[in-house]
Amino acid sequence: MSQTKSPLPREVADAYVEDLIALDPITGTYLGVPDSSSRLPDTSPAGQEALAELARTTLAKLAEAERRPGGDSDAERRCARLLRERLTAELAVHEAGESLRAVGNLHTVAHQIRDIFTVTPQETEEDWAALAERLRAVPAAFAGYRESLALGLERELYGAPRPTATFIGQLDEWADTGEGRGWFEDFAAAGPEALRAELDGAARAATASVVELRDWMRDVYAPAVQGAPDTVGRERYRRLARYFTGADLDLDEAYAYGWAEYHRLRGEMQKEAEKILPGADSPWAVLEHLDEHGRHIEGVEEARVWLQGLMDEAIQKLDGTHFDLAEPVKRVEACIAPPGGAAAPYYTAPSEDFSRPGRTWLPVMGRTRFPEYDLVSTWYHEGVPGHHLQLAQWTYVASTLSRYQATVGGVSANVEGWALYAERLMDELGFLTDAEQRLGYLDAQMMRAVRVIVDIGMHLELEIPADSPYHPGERWTVDLAQEFFDRHSSLPSDHVESELIRYLTMPGQAIGYKLGERAWLRGREQARARHGDAFDLKAWHMAALSQGSLGLDDLVAELSEL
C-alpha cells in the first residue's frame, strides 16, 4: 500500500491560502478568485474563531512539514519562517480579543465589507448578478460585526472613544451620500437595467443595515465606551506592533530613532525652504505659501489624469535602468477613492492573473484643487516605484515563491518600508530636484518620523525629550500628539485629525514606515559593502522585490545576502 507523503512547508502555506479564501471571500476577491464575488465572510465571533482554528491547525501541519526531507531548503525555510511568524502574531492578537473592539476610521470589518465592492468585477451582467448576491449578504455581515463588538462590551474589551465617534460619522455618510440614498445604492446604480429591481432592492437593504449599525454604535456602543482610554499601553502596543512589523521591537530605541530623524529632517527642510521663500519662519510656513501660490492641479479628474501620467513616466524612466519590469507589472491605474473613508491615499494590489491591475486611490475629501508638492512623492510611494512595483512583482513571481508569500502573508512594515524607501530612491536618483517637490518629499518623510514619535509616545505615555522644541519634559497625551503633528505637517487640520484617529485605530502600524525604511536601507548598505564595486543596484532591487514577504526581524539579514 502506498503512503501519501506529508506536504512541504510551501505546500502547507498554499493550502492555508485556499482554506482562508473559503472562510474569507473578501480575500478571495482581492486575489481575483471569481467564486468569491458573491459572498461575504462570517464576521461574528464564531467566524473569527474559525479563522483562528485554521491558523492553529496550519501551524501543526507546518511543524510536521519542516521535518520532511527537503523541508529545510532555503526556499522552504524562508516560507516556513514567514508562515509561523504571521500566524503566531495573528493568533496572539485574536486571543487578546482585539477583534472584539476593532473600531476606527479604516480597515475595520465594516470598511472591508464596503471597500470590497470597489474591486469586485463589474464588467458583465454575470458580474453584477454576483454583486447583487454580495449586496444581499451585507446585512448579515454588518450584524456579525455588531455581534463581535457586543461581545467585546460584555467582556469589557472597549474600543477607543475617539475612533468610535469618527466611525459613527463615517456611517452617517455611508447611509446618506447627500442625494437621499446611501453609498450602496449609489454603487448599485451603475449596474445593468436587466438587474435593476434586484440590485436596487439589495442595495436598499444594505443601506438599512448601515443605518442599523450606525444607530447601535451611537446609542449603545458609544455610551458604553465613554471614559475608556483612547490609548493602549505598553503590553497591547507591543503585541500589535509585532503584528504590523514582524519584529519584537525595542520600543524605547524606536522612539529615540524617531526623534533623531525628526531633527535631521527639520534641518534639511529648512535648507530647502530657504530656496523658495528666504527668511520664512519655518518650512511649514513655506508649504502654506505653496498651498496658495505653488503649482496646482485644478479638478478631480484632472488630478487623476496627472497622477496616471506621473506613474507612466516613472515606469518609462526606471524600467531597464534601475528595475527590469515584466509587462504585467507595467500596468497601474490611478483612481479616485469613494467618499466616506479616511483622508490618506492608498493602493490595492492586482489580482493574481493581472486581469484587475494595481490601483492607486486619491481621497479628495471635497477638494477640487491639489498642490503638486503634496502629490509627487506620495505617488512614488503608492504607485511607482513604491507599493505597485513591490506587490505587483510579488504577484508576478508567485509561482517561484508560494502563493502565501506573494499575497496574504504580507507584513505591513515590509511593504510600507519599501514604499518609503522608494520615495528616498527617487530623491537619490535625481527625480526631485525641483525645490517645491523636494520640500514636499521632505515633509512626507517628516510625517513618517512624527508618526514614530507620537504613535509610540502617546500609547506608552512617554516623556517628551529635553531637546524637543515642543513641551520638553511633559508626558504625551492624544491632544499633545495632535497639536505636535499639526505644527509639523503641511496637511490640513482635518487630515491631521484623521491621521491621529488612524493611529488610535491601528496602534503600532504607523511606525512601520520609518522602521521598515531603515531595514531596507540597512539591507542595501550591507549588500553593497559585501559586493564592493561589483554591487549592482538594479539586480539587487529585482532580487529584493522577488523574495516575497518578510518580517523586519528577517528582512535585513535576507537583503544583505542578495
Protein backbone atom coordinates (compact mmCIF):
# COMPACT_ATOMS: atom_id res chain seq x y z
CA MET A 1 0.00 0.00 0.00
CA SER A 2 1.42 3.42 -0.96
CA GLN A 3 1.63 6.06 1.73
CA THR A 4 0.75 9.68 0.94
CA LYS A 5 3.64 11.98 1.67
CA SER A 6 3.06 14.87 4.03
CA PRO A 7 3.40 18.27 2.35
CA LEU A 8 6.43 20.56 2.39
CA PRO A 9 6.16 23.99 4.09
CA ARG A 10 5.30 25.88 0.88
CA GLU A 11 2.53 23.39 0.17
CA VAL A 12 1.20 23.89 3.70
CA ALA A 13 1.27 27.65 3.16
CA ASP A 14 -0.60 27.45 -0.12
CA ALA A 15 -3.18 25.07 1.31
CA TYR A 16 -3.72 27.65 4.06
CA VAL A 17 -4.48 30.29 1.39
CA GLU A 18 -7.10 28.03 -0.18
CA ASP A 19 -8.74 27.37 3.18
CA LEU A 20 -8.57 31.06 4.07
CA ILE A 21 -10.36 32.04 0.85
CA ALA A 22 -13.14 29.58 1.67
CA LEU A 23 -13.66 31.33 5.01
CA ASP A 24 -12.94 34.85 3.80
CA PRO A 25 -14.24 35.64 0.31
CA ILE A 26 -13.05 39.24 0.70
CA THR A 27 -9.50 37.90 0.49
CA GLY A 28 -10.60 35.78 -2.44
CA THR A 29 -11.85 38.83 -4.34
CA TYR A 30 -8.60 40.72 -3.78
CA LEU A 31 -6.78 37.73 -5.22
CA GLY A 32 -9.16 37.60 -8.19
CA VAL A 33 -10.97 34.35 -7.34
CA PRO A 34 -14.29 34.50 -9.27
CA ASP A 35 -16.24 32.27 -6.88
CA SER A 36 -15.67 34.81 -4.10
CA SER A 37 -17.54 37.65 -5.80
CA SER A 38 -20.99 36.78 -4.48
CA ARG A 39 -20.15 36.18 -0.82
CA LEU A 40 -19.04 37.93 2.36
CA PRO A 41 -17.35 36.31 5.37
CA ASP A 42 -18.86 35.33 8.70
CA THR A 43 -17.87 38.37 10.76
CA SER A 44 -19.33 37.10 14.04
CA PRO A 45 -17.21 35.76 16.92
CA ALA A 46 -17.80 32.25 15.54
CA GLY A 47 -16.37 33.30 12.17
CA GLN A 48 -13.33 34.81 13.84
CA GLU A 49 -12.77 31.65 15.86
CA ALA A 50 -12.95 29.58 12.67
CA LEU A 51 -10.10 31.67 11.25
CA ALA A 52 -8.11 31.19 14.44
CA GLU A 53 -8.65 27.44 14.35
CA LEU A 54 -7.40 27.37 10.76
CA ALA A 55 -4.24 29.12 11.93
CA ARG A 56 -3.73 26.62 14.76
CA THR A 57 -4.16 23.55 12.55
CA THR A 58 -1.87 25.07 9.92
CA LEU A 59 0.89 25.62 12.48
CA ALA A 60 0.62 21.97 13.50
CA LYS A 61 0.91 20.88 9.86
CA LEU A 62 3.87 23.22 9.38
CA ALA A 63 5.82 21.65 12.22
CA GLU A 64 5.42 18.25 10.57
CA ALA A 65 6.30 19.60 7.11
CA GLU A 66 9.61 21.04 8.34
CA ARG A 67 10.72 17.55 9.44
CA ARG A 68 10.30 16.17 5.91
CA PRO A 69 13.39 15.74 3.70
CA GLY A 70 13.74 19.00 1.78
CA GLY A 71 11.75 20.94 4.34
CA ASP A 72 14.86 22.82 5.42
CA SER A 73 15.90 24.14 1.97
CA ASP A 74 16.31 27.91 1.69
CA ALA A 75 13.03 28.35 -0.18
CA GLU A 76 11.08 26.14 2.23
CA ARG A 77 12.80 27.63 5.28
CA ARG A 78 12.01 31.21 4.26
CA CYS A 79 8.35 30.40 3.64
CA ALA A 80 8.02 28.39 6.85
CA ARG A 81 9.55 31.16 8.92
CA LEU A 82 7.12 33.72 7.49
CA LEU A 83 4.08 31.47 7.91
CA ARG A 84 4.92 30.66 11.52
CA GLU A 85 5.62 34.27 12.43
CA ARG A 86 2.47 35.61 10.76
CA LEU A 87 0.07 33.01 12.13
CA THR A 88 1.58 33.26 15.62
CA ALA A 89 1.24 37.04 15.59
CA GLU A 90 -2.34 36.82 14.28
CA LEU A 91 -3.30 34.30 16.95
CA ALA A 92 -1.83 36.50 19.69
CA VAL A 93 -3.99 39.40 18.52
CA HIS A 94 -7.08 37.18 18.24
CA GLU A 95 -6.64 35.58 21.64
CA ALA A 96 -6.26 39.01 23.25
CA GLY A 97 -9.71 39.89 21.89
CA GLU A 98 -8.56 42.76 19.70
CA SER A 99 -11.12 41.92 17.00
CA LEU A 100 -13.89 42.36 19.59
CA ARG A 101 -13.07 46.05 19.96
CA ALA A 102 -11.93 46.93 16.45
CA VAL A 103 -13.50 50.30 15.68
CA GLY A 104 -11.99 53.20 13.79
CA ASN A 105 -11.78 55.13 10.56
CA LEU A 106 -10.24 52.45 8.32
CA HIS A 107 -9.56 48.71 7.99
CA THR A 108 -12.35 47.65 10.33
CA VAL A 109 -14.63 44.80 9.28
CA ALA A 110 -17.22 47.38 8.22
CA HIS A 111 -14.70 49.15 5.97
CA GLN A 112 -13.64 45.84 4.45
CA ILE A 113 -17.27 45.00 3.67
CA ARG A 114 -17.85 48.28 1.86
CA ASP A 115 -14.47 48.59 0.16
CA ILE A 116 -14.55 45.12 -1.41
CA PHE A 117 -17.33 46.27 -3.74
CA THR A 118 -14.93 48.76 -5.37
CA VAL A 119 -12.64 45.94 -6.59
CA THR A 120 -15.24 43.25 -7.35
CA PRO A 121 -15.58 42.72 -11.15
CA GLN A 122 -18.29 44.91 -12.71
CA GLU A 123 -17.88 44.31 -16.45
CA THR A 124 -20.68 41.87 -17.32
CA GLU A 125 -24.26 41.12 -16.34
CA GLU A 126 -22.96 37.95 -14.70
CA ASP A 127 -20.59 40.08 -12.60
CA TRP A 128 -23.50 42.25 -11.48
CA ALA A 129 -25.60 39.21 -10.63
CA ALA A 130 -22.82 38.14 -8.28
CA LEU A 131 -22.66 41.68 -6.87
CA ALA A 132 -26.40 41.60 -6.21
CA GLU A 133 -25.90 38.43 -4.18
CA ARG A 134 -22.99 40.04 -2.33
CA LEU A 135 -25.17 43.08 -1.61
CA ARG A 136 -27.79 40.78 -0.10
CA ALA A 137 -25.07 39.44 2.22
CA VAL A 138 -24.24 42.90 3.63
CA PRO A 139 -26.87 42.97 6.41
CA ALA A 140 -25.69 39.64 7.86
CA ALA A 141 -22.05 40.76 7.65
CA PHE A 142 -22.78 44.01 9.49
CA ALA A 143 -24.85 42.08 12.05
CA GLY A 144 -21.92 39.72 12.66
CA TYR A 145 -19.60 42.68 13.20
CA ARG A 146 -22.09 44.18 15.65
CA GLU A 147 -22.28 40.83 17.47
CA SER A 148 -18.47 40.84 17.82
CA LEU A 149 -18.44 44.37 19.24
CA ALA A 150 -21.29 43.48 21.63
CA LEU A 151 -19.28 40.53 22.92
CA GLY A 152 -16.38 42.93 23.41
CA LEU A 153 -18.60 45.14 25.58
CA GLU A 154 -19.68 42.08 27.58
CA ARG A 155 -16.02 41.19 28.19
CA GLU A 156 -15.08 44.83 28.92
CA LEU A 157 -12.88 44.98 25.83
CA TYR A 158 -13.68 48.54 24.83
CA GLY A 159 -12.92 50.30 21.59
CA ALA A 160 -11.38 53.76 21.83
CA PRO A 161 -13.92 56.61 22.18
CA ARG A 162 -12.46 58.99 19.58
CA PRO A 163 -12.24 56.42 16.78
CA THR A 164 -15.76 55.32 17.71
CA ALA A 165 -17.10 58.85 17.20
CA THR A 166 -15.28 59.13 13.87
CA PHE A 167 -16.65 55.79 12.70
CA ILE A 168 -20.20 56.84 13.53
CA GLY A 169 -19.66 59.94 11.39
CA GLN A 170 -18.48 57.76 8.50
CA LEU A 171 -21.55 55.55 8.84
CA ASP A 172 -23.68 58.70 8.59
CA GLU A 173 -22.05 59.41 5.23
CA TRP A 174 -22.46 55.82 4.03
CA ALA A 175 -26.15 55.95 4.98
CA ASP A 176 -26.82 59.16 3.05
CA THR A 177 -24.41 60.44 0.44
CA GLY A 178 -26.35 63.68 0.08
CA GLU A 179 -28.83 62.52 -2.55
CA GLY A 180 -31.27 60.89 -0.15
CA ARG A 181 -29.75 57.48 -0.69
CA GLY A 182 -26.79 55.54 0.68
CA TRP A 183 -23.41 54.54 -0.70
CA PHE A 184 -24.57 51.04 -1.63
CA GLU A 185 -27.46 52.50 -3.63
CA ASP A 186 -25.09 54.82 -5.45
CA PHE A 187 -22.87 51.86 -6.20
CA ALA A 188 -25.74 49.68 -7.49
CA ALA A 189 -26.97 52.47 -9.79
CA ALA A 190 -24.13 51.63 -12.22
CA GLY A 191 -25.48 48.11 -12.77
CA PRO A 192 -27.40 46.89 -15.83
CA GLU A 193 -31.10 47.67 -16.27
CA ALA A 194 -31.90 43.97 -16.59
CA LEU A 195 -30.98 43.60 -12.89
CA ARG A 196 -32.26 47.00 -11.75
CA ALA A 197 -35.00 45.80 -9.40
CA GLU A 198 -32.76 43.14 -7.86
CA LEU A 199 -29.82 45.49 -7.38
CA ASP A 200 -31.89 48.36 -6.00
CA GLY A 201 -33.68 46.12 -3.53
CA ALA A 202 -30.44 44.57 -2.28
CA ALA A 203 -28.78 47.99 -2.06
CA ARG A 204 -31.67 49.44 -0.04
CA ALA A 205 -31.40 46.53 2.39
CA ALA A 206 -27.64 47.10 2.65
CA THR A 207 -28.20 50.79 3.41
CA ALA A 208 -30.80 49.87 6.04
CA SER A 209 -28.17 47.69 7.71
CA VAL A 210 -25.73 50.63 7.69
CA VAL A 211 -28.36 52.74 9.43
CA GLU A 212 -29.00 49.96 11.95
CA LEU A 213 -25.27 49.64 12.71
CA ARG A 214 -24.90 53.43 12.94
CA ASP A 215 -27.79 53.74 15.38
CA TRP A 216 -26.46 50.89 17.56
CA MET A 217 -22.97 52.40 17.57
CA ARG A 218 -24.39 55.80 18.52
CA ASP A 219 -27.00 54.71 21.07
CA VAL A 220 -25.39 51.63 22.66
CA TYR A 221 -21.70 51.32 21.87
CA ALA A 222 -20.51 54.93 22.18
CA PRO A 223 -22.10 55.48 25.62
CA ALA A 224 -20.68 52.15 26.83
CA VAL A 225 -17.08 53.02 25.88
CA GLN A 226 -17.27 56.63 27.07
CA GLY A 227 -14.45 57.09 29.55
CA ALA A 228 -12.36 54.20 28.20
CA PRO A 229 -8.80 55.18 27.24
CA ASP A 230 -8.02 56.09 23.64
CA THR A 231 -4.51 54.65 24.01
CA VAL A 232 -3.50 51.02 24.59
CA GLY A 233 -0.47 50.90 26.92
CA ARG A 234 2.82 49.05 26.50
CA GLU A 235 1.61 45.43 26.62
CA ARG A 236 -1.11 45.79 23.98
CA TYR A 237 1.11 48.05 21.90
CA ARG A 238 3.96 45.55 21.83
CA ARG A 239 1.59 42.77 20.70
CA LEU A 240 0.06 44.91 17.95
CA ALA A 241 3.45 46.25 16.83
CA ARG A 242 4.63 42.66 16.40
CA TYR A 243 1.61 42.00 14.17
CA PHE A 244 2.32 45.03 11.97
CA THR A 245 6.13 44.78 11.81
CA GLY A 246 7.03 41.11 12.16
CA ALA A 247 9.57 42.11 14.81
CA ASP A 248 9.98 42.18 18.58
CA LEU A 249 10.84 45.86 18.81
CA ASP A 250 12.80 47.80 21.38
CA LEU A 251 10.12 50.48 21.61
CA ASP A 252 12.29 52.96 23.50
CA GLU A 253 15.05 52.68 20.88
CA ALA A 254 12.47 53.14 18.11
CA TYR A 255 11.11 56.24 19.88
CA ALA A 256 14.63 57.70 20.10
CA TYR A 257 15.20 56.92 16.40
CA GLY A 258 12.04 58.82 15.53
CA TRP A 259 13.38 61.88 17.33
CA ALA A 260 16.80 61.59 15.63
CA GLU A 261 15.07 61.52 12.22
CA TYR A 262 12.89 64.46 13.25
CA HIS A 263 15.94 66.64 13.96
CA ARG A 264 17.75 65.54 10.77
CA LEU A 265 14.77 66.15 8.54
CA ARG A 266 13.94 69.50 10.11
CA GLY A 267 17.40 70.75 9.18
CA GLU A 268 17.03 69.51 5.59
CA MET A 269 13.58 71.07 5.28
CA GLN A 270 14.85 74.43 6.46
CA LYS A 271 17.57 74.46 3.77
CA GLU A 272 15.08 73.56 1.02
CA ALA A 273 12.54 76.10 2.26
CA GLU A 274 15.12 78.89 2.01
CA LYS A 275 15.33 78.29 -1.74
CA ILE A 276 11.62 79.06 -2.11
CA LEU A 277 10.91 81.77 0.45
CA PRO A 278 14.10 83.10 2.10
CA GLY A 279 13.66 84.16 5.71
CA ALA A 280 10.38 82.32 6.29
CA ASP A 281 9.56 81.41 9.87
CA SER A 282 9.54 77.65 9.22
CA PRO A 283 9.38 75.08 6.42
CA TRP A 284 5.68 74.73 7.11
CA ALA A 285 5.16 78.45 6.57
CA VAL A 286 6.70 77.92 3.12
CA LEU A 287 4.42 74.96 2.47
CA GLU A 288 1.45 77.12 3.49
CA HIS A 289 2.67 79.71 0.98
CA LEU A 290 2.81 76.98 -1.68
CA ASP A 291 -0.77 75.98 -0.85
CA GLU A 292 -1.77 79.38 -2.21
CA HIS A 293 0.96 80.26 -4.69
CA GLY A 294 2.63 76.99 -5.71
CA ARG A 295 1.85 74.77 -8.67
CA HIS A 296 -1.57 73.07 -8.53
CA ILE A 297 -3.80 70.71 -10.46
CA GLU A 298 -7.34 72.02 -10.84
CA GLY A 299 -10.16 69.49 -10.92
CA VAL A 300 -10.66 65.97 -9.59
CA GLU A 301 -10.49 64.20 -12.96
CA GLU A 302 -7.54 66.38 -13.97
CA ALA A 303 -5.72 65.24 -10.79
CA ARG A 304 -6.40 61.61 -11.61
CA VAL A 305 -5.05 62.02 -15.15
CA TRP A 306 -2.00 63.87 -13.84
CA LEU A 307 -1.24 61.08 -11.35
CA GLN A 308 -1.60 58.48 -14.08
CA GLY A 309 0.91 60.38 -16.18
CA LEU A 310 3.33 60.61 -13.25
CA MET A 311 3.26 56.82 -12.78
CA ASP A 312 3.53 56.13 -16.52
CA GLU A 313 6.57 58.42 -16.71
CA ALA A 314 8.21 56.73 -13.71
CA ILE A 315 7.78 53.29 -15.30
CA GLN A 316 9.22 54.52 -18.59
CA LYS A 317 12.30 56.05 -16.93
CA LEU A 318 13.00 53.34 -14.34
CA ASP A 319 12.47 50.24 -16.45
CA GLY A 320 15.76 48.94 -17.81
CA THR A 321 17.83 51.37 -15.73
CA HIS A 322 17.03 50.66 -12.09
CA PHE A 323 14.47 47.85 -12.47
CA ASP A 324 13.64 45.14 -15.02
CA LEU A 325 9.86 45.16 -15.21
CA ALA A 326 7.69 42.43 -16.69
CA GLU A 327 4.88 43.62 -18.96
CA PRO A 328 2.02 42.89 -16.50
CA VAL A 329 3.81 44.91 -13.81
CA LYS A 330 3.89 47.97 -16.05
CA ARG A 331 0.12 48.43 -15.83
CA VAL A 332 -1.20 50.52 -12.94
CA GLU A 333 -4.28 52.72 -12.73
CA ALA A 334 -4.87 55.98 -10.84
CA CYS A 335 -8.38 56.13 -9.31
CA ILE A 336 -10.45 58.47 -7.13
CA ALA A 337 -11.34 56.90 -3.77
CA PRO A 338 -15.01 56.51 -2.81
CA PRO A 339 -16.24 59.07 -0.24
CA GLY A 340 -16.68 58.28 3.41
CA GLY A 341 -13.21 56.87 4.09
CA ALA A 342 -10.00 58.10 5.70
CA ALA A 343 -8.06 61.01 4.23
CA ALA A 344 -4.87 59.15 3.27
CA PRO A 345 -4.22 57.84 -0.28
CA TYR A 346 -3.85 54.08 -0.65
CA TYR A 347 -3.09 51.26 -3.09
CA THR A 348 -4.83 48.00 -3.99
CA ALA A 349 -2.75 45.17 -5.50
CA PRO A 350 -3.55 43.43 -8.78
CA SER A 351 -5.47 40.19 -8.93
CA GLU A 352 -3.34 37.08 -9.26
CA ASP A 353 -3.93 36.88 -13.03
CA PHE A 354 -3.48 40.66 -13.51
CA SER A 355 -6.98 40.94 -15.00
CA ARG A 356 -7.52 43.65 -12.38
CA PRO A 357 -4.45 45.90 -12.32
CA GLY A 358 -2.83 47.52 -9.33
CA ARG A 359 -4.61 50.77 -8.47
CA THR A 360 -3.76 53.90 -6.52
CA TRP A 361 -6.61 55.77 -4.84
CA LEU A 362 -6.83 59.51 -4.11
CA PRO A 363 -9.40 60.58 -1.46
CA VAL A 364 -10.48 64.10 -2.45
CA MET A 365 -12.36 64.98 0.78
CA GLY A 366 -14.39 67.62 -1.07
CA ARG A 367 -11.35 69.27 -2.65
CA THR A 368 -11.01 70.22 -6.31
CA ARG A 369 -7.55 71.86 -6.12
CA PHE A 370 -4.44 69.80 -5.41
CA PRO A 371 -0.90 71.13 -4.74
CA GLU A 372 1.75 69.32 -6.77
CA TYR A 373 4.20 69.23 -3.86
CA ASP A 374 1.73 67.11 -1.89
CA LEU A 375 1.29 64.52 -4.65
CA VAL A 376 4.63 63.70 -6.30
CA SER A 377 6.49 61.72 -3.64
CA THR A 378 3.18 60.33 -2.34
CA TRP A 379 2.55 58.72 -5.73
CA TYR A 380 6.11 57.45 -5.88
CA HIS A 381 5.14 55.80 -2.57
CA GLU A 382 1.69 54.48 -3.51
CA GLY A 383 2.43 53.69 -7.14
CA VAL A 384 5.81 53.53 -8.86
CA PRO A 385 8.38 52.56 -7.64
CA GLY A 386 6.56 52.03 -4.34
CA HIS A 387 3.68 49.74 -3.49
CA HIS A 388 2.87 48.86 -7.06
CA LEU A 389 6.32 47.62 -8.06
CA GLN A 390 6.68 45.52 -4.93
CA LEU A 391 3.22 43.97 -4.75
CA ALA A 392 2.82 43.50 -8.50
CA GLN A 393 6.27 41.86 -8.64
CA TRP A 394 5.28 39.52 -5.81
CA THR A 395 2.23 38.60 -7.85
CA TYR A 396 4.35 38.06 -10.97
CA VAL A 397 6.82 35.69 -9.24
CA ALA A 398 4.27 33.91 -7.04
CA SER A 399 4.83 30.61 -8.83
CA THR A 400 8.50 30.58 -7.79
CA LEU A 401 7.74 31.54 -4.18
CA SER A 402 4.49 30.36 -2.68
CA ARG A 403 1.07 31.87 -3.06
CA TYR A 404 1.16 32.72 0.63
CA GLN A 405 4.42 34.70 0.45
CA ALA A 406 3.17 36.68 -2.53
CA THR A 407 -0.26 37.56 -1.17
CA VAL A 408 -1.84 37.17 2.25
CA GLY A 409 1.47 36.77 4.09
CA GLY A 410 2.39 40.41 3.59
CA VAL A 411 3.93 42.26 6.56
CA SER A 412 2.81 45.89 6.80
CA ALA A 413 6.22 47.30 7.82
CA ASN A 414 7.98 45.48 4.98
CA VAL A 415 5.52 46.89 2.43
CA GLU A 416 5.38 50.40 3.87
CA GLY A 417 9.13 50.40 4.43
CA TRP A 418 9.74 49.60 0.76
CA ALA A 419 7.35 52.37 -0.30
CA LEU A 420 9.15 54.93 1.88
CA TYR A 421 12.48 53.62 0.58
CA ALA A 422 11.05 54.17 -2.92
CA GLU A 423 10.42 57.85 -2.16
CA ARG A 424 14.02 58.22 -0.96
CA LEU A 425 15.29 56.32 -4.00
CA MET A 426 13.60 58.78 -6.35
CA ASP A 427 15.31 61.61 -4.49
CA GLU A 428 18.67 59.79 -4.72
CA LEU A 429 18.15 59.24 -8.47
CA GLY A 430 17.55 62.94 -9.09
CA PHE A 431 13.80 62.94 -9.71
CA LEU A 432 13.17 65.58 -7.02
CA THR A 433 15.48 68.45 -7.99
CA ASP A 434 12.58 70.93 -8.09
CA ALA A 435 12.51 72.79 -4.74
CA GLU A 436 8.71 72.60 -4.35
CA GLN A 437 8.59 68.87 -5.00
CA ARG A 438 11.62 68.15 -2.83
CA LEU A 439 10.22 70.13 0.11
CA GLY A 440 7.01 68.12 -0.30
CA TYR A 441 9.05 64.91 -0.21
CA LEU A 442 10.85 66.01 2.96
CA ASP A 443 7.52 66.97 4.52
CA ALA A 444 6.24 63.45 3.76
CA GLN A 445 9.39 61.96 5.31
CA MET A 446 8.91 64.16 8.36
CA MET A 447 5.34 62.91 8.71
CA ARG A 448 6.67 59.34 8.98
CA ALA A 449 9.22 60.38 11.63
CA VAL A 450 6.50 62.20 13.56
CA ARG A 451 4.38 59.03 13.34
CA VAL A 452 7.05 57.07 15.19
CA ILE A 453 7.26 59.76 17.87
CA VAL A 454 3.56 60.26 18.51
CA ASP A 455 2.34 56.70 17.95
CA ILE A 456 4.78 55.22 20.45
CA GLY A 457 4.80 58.32 22.64
CA MET A 458 1.06 58.68 23.20
CA HIS A 459 0.24 54.97 23.51
CA LEU A 460 3.05 54.44 26.04
CA GLU A 461 2.67 57.91 27.59
CA LEU A 462 6.41 58.53 27.22
CA GLU A 463 8.26 61.68 28.20
CA ILE A 464 8.98 64.31 25.55
CA PRO A 465 12.80 64.73 25.41
CA ALA A 466 14.59 67.77 26.75
CA ASP A 467 15.86 68.77 23.26
CA SER A 468 12.35 68.86 21.82
CA PRO A 469 11.14 72.30 20.69
CA TYR A 470 7.69 71.29 21.91
CA HIS A 471 6.66 70.73 25.57
CA PRO A 472 10.00 69.18 26.70
CA GLY A 473 9.73 67.08 29.83
CA GLU A 474 5.97 66.56 29.59
CA ARG A 475 4.21 63.24 29.01
CA TRP A 476 2.47 62.63 25.70
CA THR A 477 -1.31 62.80 25.51
CA VAL A 478 -3.53 62.43 22.43
CA ASP A 479 -4.20 66.18 22.41
CA LEU A 480 -0.47 66.99 22.57
CA ALA A 481 0.19 64.47 19.80
CA GLN A 482 -2.40 66.08 17.52
CA GLU A 483 -1.06 69.57 18.14
CA PHE A 484 2.55 68.44 17.57
CA PHE A 485 1.57 66.71 14.33
CA ASP A 486 -0.39 69.77 13.18
CA ARG A 487 2.65 72.00 13.76
CA HIS A 488 4.95 69.70 11.81
CA SER A 489 2.88 68.89 8.75
CA SER A 490 1.52 70.62 5.67
CA LEU A 491 -1.66 68.54 5.91
CA PRO A 492 -4.91 70.39 6.65
CA SER A 493 -6.19 70.05 10.19
CA ASP A 494 -8.98 67.62 9.24
CA HIS A 495 -6.41 65.33 7.59
CA VAL A 496 -4.19 65.53 10.68
CA GLU A 497 -7.16 64.59 12.84
CA SER A 498 -7.88 61.65 10.50
CA GLU A 499 -4.25 60.54 10.87
CA LEU A 500 -4.43 60.63 14.68
CA ILE A 501 -7.67 58.64 14.66
CA ARG A 502 -5.88 56.14 12.41
CA TYR A 503 -3.09 55.72 15.00
CA LEU A 504 -5.66 55.19 17.73
CA THR A 505 -7.43 52.69 15.47
CA MET A 506 -4.30 50.71 14.50
CA PRO A 507 -1.65 51.10 17.22
CA GLY A 508 1.80 50.06 16.01
CA GLN A 509 1.02 50.24 12.27
CA ALA A 510 2.19 53.79 11.62
CA ILE A 511 5.71 53.21 12.94
CA GLY A 512 6.35 50.56 10.27
CA TYR A 513 7.00 53.12 7.53
CA LYS A 514 10.15 54.62 9.04
CA LEU A 515 11.34 51.45 10.78
CA GLY A 516 10.73 49.48 7.59
CA GLU A 517 12.62 52.02 5.50
CA ARG A 518 15.54 51.75 7.94
CA ALA A 519 15.56 47.97 7.47
CA TRP A 520 15.58 48.30 3.66
CA LEU A 521 18.41 50.85 3.78
CA ARG A 522 20.47 48.71 6.17
CA GLY A 523 20.00 45.67 3.98
CA ARG A 524 21.06 47.59 0.88
CA GLU A 525 24.16 49.05 2.53
CA GLN A 526 25.26 45.68 3.91
CA ALA A 527 24.79 44.09 0.48
CA ARG A 528 26.76 46.96 -1.08
CA ALA A 529 29.56 46.50 1.45
CA ARG A 530 29.67 42.76 0.77
CA HIS A 531 29.87 43.16 -3.02
CA GLY A 532 32.01 46.29 -3.14
CA ASP A 533 32.44 47.75 -6.63
CA ALA A 534 30.56 44.79 -8.12
CA PHE A 535 27.31 45.82 -6.39
CA ASP A 536 24.53 46.12 -8.99
CA LEU A 537 21.62 48.21 -7.72
CA LYS A 538 19.20 47.09 -10.45
CA ALA A 539 19.95 43.41 -9.82
CA TRP A 540 19.62 43.96 -6.08
CA HIS A 541 16.26 45.70 -6.50
CA MET A 542 14.84 42.87 -8.56
CA ALA A 543 16.17 40.16 -6.24
CA ALA A 544 14.83 42.08 -3.23
CA LEU A 545 11.39 42.51 -4.79
CA SER A 546 11.27 38.86 -5.83
CA GLN A 547 11.82 37.27 -2.41
CA GLY A 548 8.27 37.81 -1.19
CA SER A 549 7.20 38.99 2.23
CA LEU A 550 9.42 39.01 5.33
CA GLY A 551 9.05 40.49 8.80
CA LEU A 552 11.56 43.11 9.90
CA ASP A 553 13.34 40.59 12.15
CA ASP A 554 14.37 38.70 8.99
CA LEU A 555 14.39 41.38 6.32
CA VAL A 556 17.83 42.92 6.88
CA ALA A 557 19.56 39.54 7.01
CA GLU A 558 17.93 38.36 3.78
CA LEU A 559 18.55 41.63 1.93
CA SER A 560 22.20 41.64 2.99
CA GLU A 561 22.78 38.29 1.29
CA LEU A 562 21.43 39.32 -2.12
